[in-house]
Amino acid sequence: MTAVDHTPIYASLAARLSDPPTSHAAAPPVSKVWQIQSRIFSILEAHGPCTHDEIRDWYLLAHGYGRGSSPASIRTRTSELHELGGVRAVDRNGVTPSGRSATRWDVHR
């Protein structure tokens, strides 16, 4: 039986090969990416399904502001978890702060 690889996406590369050197220099360390992914996964296990905004609210409550807490970072790390198959889009029943519909995410069970 072959072992399943659960290594988070971008484990060996924090920026795409086609990205300029500045993107590679600005990319977070892989260990930080893993940490944020793990925190998002834990948030969804405890509070899901959640929109990106709700995930960020829970993230800030538990971990405060800092690198990885921006809305863009939360969306990116959630997308990576989705690509890995650990997180799934549940529905579009969420609501953004401006009142628009939003995808709700949850742990893929």
Foldseek 3Di string as FASTA:
>chain_A
DDDDDPQFPCLPHQDDPPDDPVCRVPGDHSVVLVVLLVLLQVCQVVPDQDFLVVSLVVCCVVPNDDPQSDSVSSVVSQVSCVVSVQKDFDDQCPADPVGHTTTTMHGRD
